[in-house]
Amino acid sequence: MKIRKDTPVRLKTFLGTNISPDDVDKFDDYWKLIGQSGTVINDKLSDQERVLVLFDRDLDDFQLANHNPIKNSLMIKKSDLELDGFGIYQQKLDKEILKRTSYMNNTKWFKIFNQFKKDKLFFSVAQVKFLISDTATGFSFDKFDSDHFDNSGFGDIGGGPFNFNEIEWISIPRKPEFERRNRDEKLNHKIISQPVDELEKAINMLGQFEYDLDEFELKIYGYK
């Protein structure tokens, strides 16, 4: 594991253990920070076994001494750190967002799905493409799913969890087909209709949004 400057990290131990000594002063009990995340801001210290970590939380919240010139930073042994997977993902997402033209934000996505819910415009088949992904993921918005989103994104339902700012686009097919079988016999495909035209009308009622509509699908863009 290479820990360099700008790497998001998480404290897994302190001085090699996850339990503080009985006689440690409360202001020096840095074991309280185990599980906390931060970012490496200096990997060129004289002590090559340590890096300078700027923690996301204020050390004052933990009643810990902070002697470094940069507030909320501590010199931490590399062996006490692990990579922060979420932090790395968020860092990649932020960089990708800067490369794109943004057409949506949390407020706009929330308004769209809230309107769909209000008008009972549900769909069981869709695809959502995230910025940090090469492939699309199955997504649905039925009556049950419509109770599991807020102004930041969807919970663990209907293709979630995810935040609105992760969405590159959502595609809702007009008439998705399903393969049917009776044991070894292949039956005619089942075709269902989804309220694509009604969805477009609901979107247009709310303002200007970037989308494509054709005979096959409605595709709503978060970024291009």
Protein backbone atom coordinates (compact mmCIF):
# COMPACT_ATOMS: atom_id res chain seq x y z
CA MET A 1 0.00 0.00 0.00
CA LYS A 2 1.49 3.31 -1.10
CA ILE A 3 0.40 6.32 0.90
CA ARG A 4 1.26 9.56 -0.87
CA LYS A 5 0.23 13.17 -0.63
CA ASP A 6 -3.49 13.78 -1.31
CA THR A 7 -4.39 10.16 -0.50
CA PRO A 8 -7.65 9.80 1.49
CA VAL A 9 -6.91 7.62 4.52
CA ARG A 10 -8.52 6.28 7.67
CA LEU A 11 -6.87 5.64 11.04
CA LYS A 12 -7.08 1.93 11.84
CA THR A 13 -4.72 1.87 14.85
CA PHE A 14 -2.52 4.28 16.77
CA LEU A 15 1.07 3.31 17.60
CA GLY A 16 0.21 -0.16 16.40
CA THR A 17 -2.71 -0.86 18.75
CA ASN A 18 -6.41 -0.09 18.87
CA ILE A 19 -6.63 0.27 22.65
CA SER A 20 -5.20 3.19 24.56
CA PRO A 21 -2.97 2.59 27.63
CA ASP A 22 -4.65 2.92 31.01
CA ASP A 23 -2.35 5.74 32.07
CA VAL A 24 -2.66 7.92 28.94
CA ASP A 25 -3.63 11.55 29.50
CA LYS A 26 -7.03 12.36 28.01
CA PHE A 27 -5.51 15.11 25.85
CA ASP A 28 -3.06 12.58 24.39
CA ASP A 29 -5.57 9.79 23.84
CA TYR A 30 -5.28 9.78 20.04
CA TRP A 31 -6.79 6.31 19.99
CA LYS A 32 -10.11 8.20 20.04
CA LEU A 33 -9.43 8.98 16.37
CA ILE A 34 -9.46 5.34 15.27
CA GLY A 35 -11.97 5.07 12.42
CA GLN A 36 -11.71 8.76 11.53
CA SER A 37 -10.84 9.80 7.99
CA GLY A 38 -8.48 12.42 6.64
CA THR A 39 -6.10 13.27 3.81
CA VAL A 40 -2.33 13.00 3.64
CA ILE A 41 -0.97 16.52 3.18
CA ASN A 42 2.77 15.78 3.50
CA ASP A 43 4.55 12.51 2.72
CA LYS A 44 8.09 13.93 2.81
CA LEU A 45 8.73 14.10 6.55
CA SER A 46 12.16 13.52 8.06
CA ASP A 47 10.68 10.45 9.74
CA GLN A 48 9.99 8.35 6.64
CA GLU A 49 7.72 6.02 8.60
CA ARG A 50 5.21 8.80 9.15
CA VAL A 51 3.06 11.14 7.09
CA LEU A 52 1.18 14.29 8.01
CA VAL A 53 -2.58 13.69 8.00
CA LEU A 54 -5.20 16.43 8.02
CA PHE A 55 -8.26 14.94 9.70
CA ASP A 56 -11.77 15.73 8.50
CA ARG A 57 -13.03 16.22 12.05
CA ASP A 58 -11.92 18.97 14.41
CA LEU A 59 -9.54 17.52 17.02
CA ASP A 60 -11.10 19.86 19.57
CA ASP A 61 -14.24 17.73 19.33
CA PHE A 62 -12.20 14.90 20.85
CA GLN A 63 -10.48 17.13 23.43
CA LEU A 64 -7.07 16.24 21.97
CA ALA A 65 -3.88 18.28 21.98
CA ASN A 66 -3.00 19.69 18.58
CA HIS A 67 0.53 21.14 18.50
CA ASN A 68 1.10 21.25 14.74
CA PRO A 69 1.00 24.60 12.90
CA ILE A 70 -1.73 23.21 10.63
CA LYS A 71 -4.83 22.76 12.77
CA ASN A 72 -6.29 19.24 12.94
CA SER A 73 -3.17 17.62 11.48
CA LEU A 74 -1.08 14.90 13.10
CA MET A 75 2.03 12.96 12.15
CA ILE A 76 0.84 9.36 11.85
CA LYS A 77 2.75 6.15 11.22
CA LYS A 78 1.95 4.73 7.81
CA SER A 79 1.33 1.34 9.37
CA ASP A 80 -1.52 2.86 11.40
CA LEU A 81 -3.35 3.97 8.26
CA GLU A 82 -5.54 2.31 5.66
CA LEU A 83 -6.86 3.67 2.40
CA ASP A 84 -10.27 5.31 2.70
CA GLY A 85 -12.25 3.69 -0.12
CA PHE A 86 -15.12 6.16 0.01
CA GLY A 87 -12.72 9.10 0.14
CA ILE A 88 -10.86 7.82 -2.92
CA TYR A 89 -14.15 7.32 -4.79
CA GLN A 90 -15.29 10.83 -3.88
CA GLN A 91 -11.97 12.25 -5.02
CA LYS A 92 -12.34 10.53 -8.42
CA LEU A 93 -15.94 11.69 -8.68
CA ASP A 94 -15.02 15.31 -7.97
CA LYS A 95 -12.31 15.22 -10.66
CA GLU A 96 -14.71 13.69 -13.21
CA ILE A 97 -17.40 16.28 -12.46
CA LEU A 98 -14.92 19.07 -13.24
CA LYS A 99 -14.44 17.59 -16.73
CA ARG A 100 -18.14 17.57 -17.58
CA THR A 101 -20.94 20.00 -18.33
CA SER A 102 -23.44 19.73 -15.50
CA TYR A 103 -27.16 19.96 -16.19
CA MET A 104 -28.48 18.85 -12.82
CA ASN A 105 -28.00 19.27 -9.10
CA ASN A 106 -29.56 17.71 -6.01
CA THR A 107 -32.47 20.16 -6.04
CA LYS A 108 -33.38 19.44 -9.68
CA TRP A 109 -33.19 15.67 -9.33
CA PHE A 110 -35.27 15.83 -6.17
CA LYS A 111 -37.90 17.99 -7.89
CA ILE A 112 -38.15 15.52 -10.78
CA PHE A 113 -38.58 12.42 -8.65
CA ASN A 114 -40.89 14.22 -6.24
CA GLN A 115 -43.09 15.21 -9.18
CA PHE A 116 -43.05 11.63 -10.50
CA LYS A 117 -44.15 10.45 -7.07
CA LYS A 118 -46.87 13.11 -6.80
CA ASP A 119 -48.25 12.20 -10.25
CA LYS A 120 -47.83 8.45 -9.58
CA LEU A 121 -45.61 8.09 -12.64
CA PHE A 122 -43.84 4.88 -11.74
CA PHE A 123 -41.60 2.66 -13.87
CA SER A 124 -40.16 -0.74 -13.12
CA VAL A 125 -37.43 -0.89 -15.77
CA ALA A 126 -34.68 1.68 -16.27
CA GLN A 127 -30.91 2.04 -16.39
CA VAL A 128 -28.78 4.49 -14.43
CA LYS A 129 -25.24 5.31 -15.55
CA PHE A 130 -22.88 6.72 -12.94
CA LEU A 131 -19.95 8.97 -13.77
CA ILE A 132 -17.43 6.61 -12.14
CA SER A 133 -18.57 3.49 -13.97
CA ASP A 134 -18.20 2.03 -17.44
CA THR A 135 -21.56 0.26 -17.39
CA ALA A 136 -25.16 1.12 -16.52
CA THR A 137 -27.03 -0.38 -13.57
CA GLY A 138 -30.63 -1.52 -13.31
CA PHE A 139 -32.93 1.03 -11.70
CA SER A 140 -36.62 1.22 -10.86
CA PHE A 141 -39.00 3.78 -9.44
CA ASP A 142 -42.17 2.12 -8.22
CA LYS A 143 -44.48 3.02 -5.36
CA PHE A 144 -42.17 1.36 -2.83
CA ASP A 145 -39.01 2.95 -4.23
CA SER A 146 -40.66 6.36 -4.19
CA ASP A 147 -40.56 6.37 -0.39
CA HIS A 148 -36.79 5.91 -0.27
CA PHE A 149 -35.24 9.07 -1.67
CA ASP A 150 -34.47 12.46 -0.19
CA ASN A 151 -32.88 15.70 -1.35
CA SER A 152 -29.46 14.05 -1.73
CA GLY A 153 -30.24 10.73 -3.40
CA PHE A 154 -31.71 7.24 -3.07
CA GLY A 155 -31.40 4.79 -0.21
CA ASP A 156 -30.67 1.08 -0.52
CA ILE A 157 -33.53 0.38 -2.90
CA GLY A 158 -34.36 0.44 -6.61
CA GLY A 159 -30.72 0.31 -7.71
CA GLY A 160 -29.40 2.38 -4.79
CA PRO A 161 -27.92 3.57 -2.63
CA PHE A 162 -26.47 6.48 -4.56
CA ASN A 163 -26.29 10.26 -4.48
CA PHE A 164 -27.82 12.40 -7.20
CA ASN A 165 -24.47 13.99 -8.04
CA GLU A 166 -23.17 10.56 -9.16
CA ILE A 167 -25.72 10.23 -11.99
CA GLU A 168 -24.48 10.71 -15.55
CA TRP A 169 -27.84 9.74 -17.05
CA ILE A 170 -31.00 7.74 -16.45
CA SER A 171 -32.63 5.88 -19.35
CA ILE A 172 -36.28 4.80 -19.17
CA PRO A 173 -37.35 2.51 -22.04
CA ARG A 174 -40.78 3.04 -23.52
CA LYS A 175 -41.66 -0.65 -23.99
CA PRO A 176 -39.19 -3.01 -22.30
CA GLU A 177 -39.38 -6.69 -23.21
CA PHE A 178 -39.03 -9.67 -20.90
CA GLU A 179 -38.11 -13.18 -21.94
CA ARG A 180 -40.61 -15.83 -20.80
CA ARG A 181 -40.21 -19.58 -20.51
CA ASN A 182 -42.38 -22.52 -19.54
CA ARG A 183 -39.77 -25.04 -18.40
CA ASP A 184 -37.75 -25.63 -21.60
CA GLU A 185 -40.27 -23.95 -23.88
CA LYS A 186 -39.49 -20.41 -24.94
CA LEU A 187 -42.64 -18.26 -24.96
CA ASN A 188 -43.36 -14.96 -26.65
CA HIS A 189 -41.69 -12.03 -24.97
CA LYS A 190 -43.73 -10.05 -22.50
CA ILE A 191 -43.85 -6.36 -23.39
CA ILE A 192 -44.87 -3.70 -20.89
CA SER A 193 -45.59 -0.04 -21.51
CA GLN A 194 -44.07 2.67 -19.34
CA PRO A 195 -45.39 6.26 -19.05
CA VAL A 196 -42.52 7.88 -20.95
CA ASP A 197 -44.60 10.65 -22.54
CA GLU A 198 -46.22 11.50 -19.21
CA LEU A 199 -42.78 11.60 -17.59
CA GLU A 200 -41.63 14.09 -20.20
CA LYS A 201 -44.66 16.30 -19.54
CA ALA A 202 -43.96 16.22 -15.80
CA ILE A 203 -40.33 17.23 -16.43
CA ASN A 204 -41.33 20.13 -18.68
CA MET A 205 -43.73 21.45 -16.04
CA LEU A 206 -40.78 21.93 -13.69
CA GLY A 207 -38.50 23.93 -15.97
CA GLN A 208 -35.66 23.30 -18.39
CA PHE A 209 -33.85 19.98 -18.22
CA GLU A 210 -31.48 18.17 -20.55
CA TYR A 211 -33.07 15.02 -21.96
CA ASP A 212 -33.61 13.02 -25.15
CA LEU A 213 -36.91 11.43 -26.11
CA ASP A 214 -37.48 9.11 -29.06
CA GLU A 215 -39.58 6.09 -29.94
CA PHE A 216 -37.49 3.87 -27.70
CA GLU A 217 -36.61 5.74 -24.51
CA LEU A 218 -36.49 8.84 -22.37
CA LYS A 219 -32.95 9.65 -21.28
CA ILE A 220 -32.42 12.33 -18.61
CA TYR A 221 -28.90 13.73 -18.32
CA GLY A 222 -27.05 14.80 -15.23
CA TYR A 223 -23.82 15.45 -17.14
CA LYS A 224 -22.48 15.33 -20.67
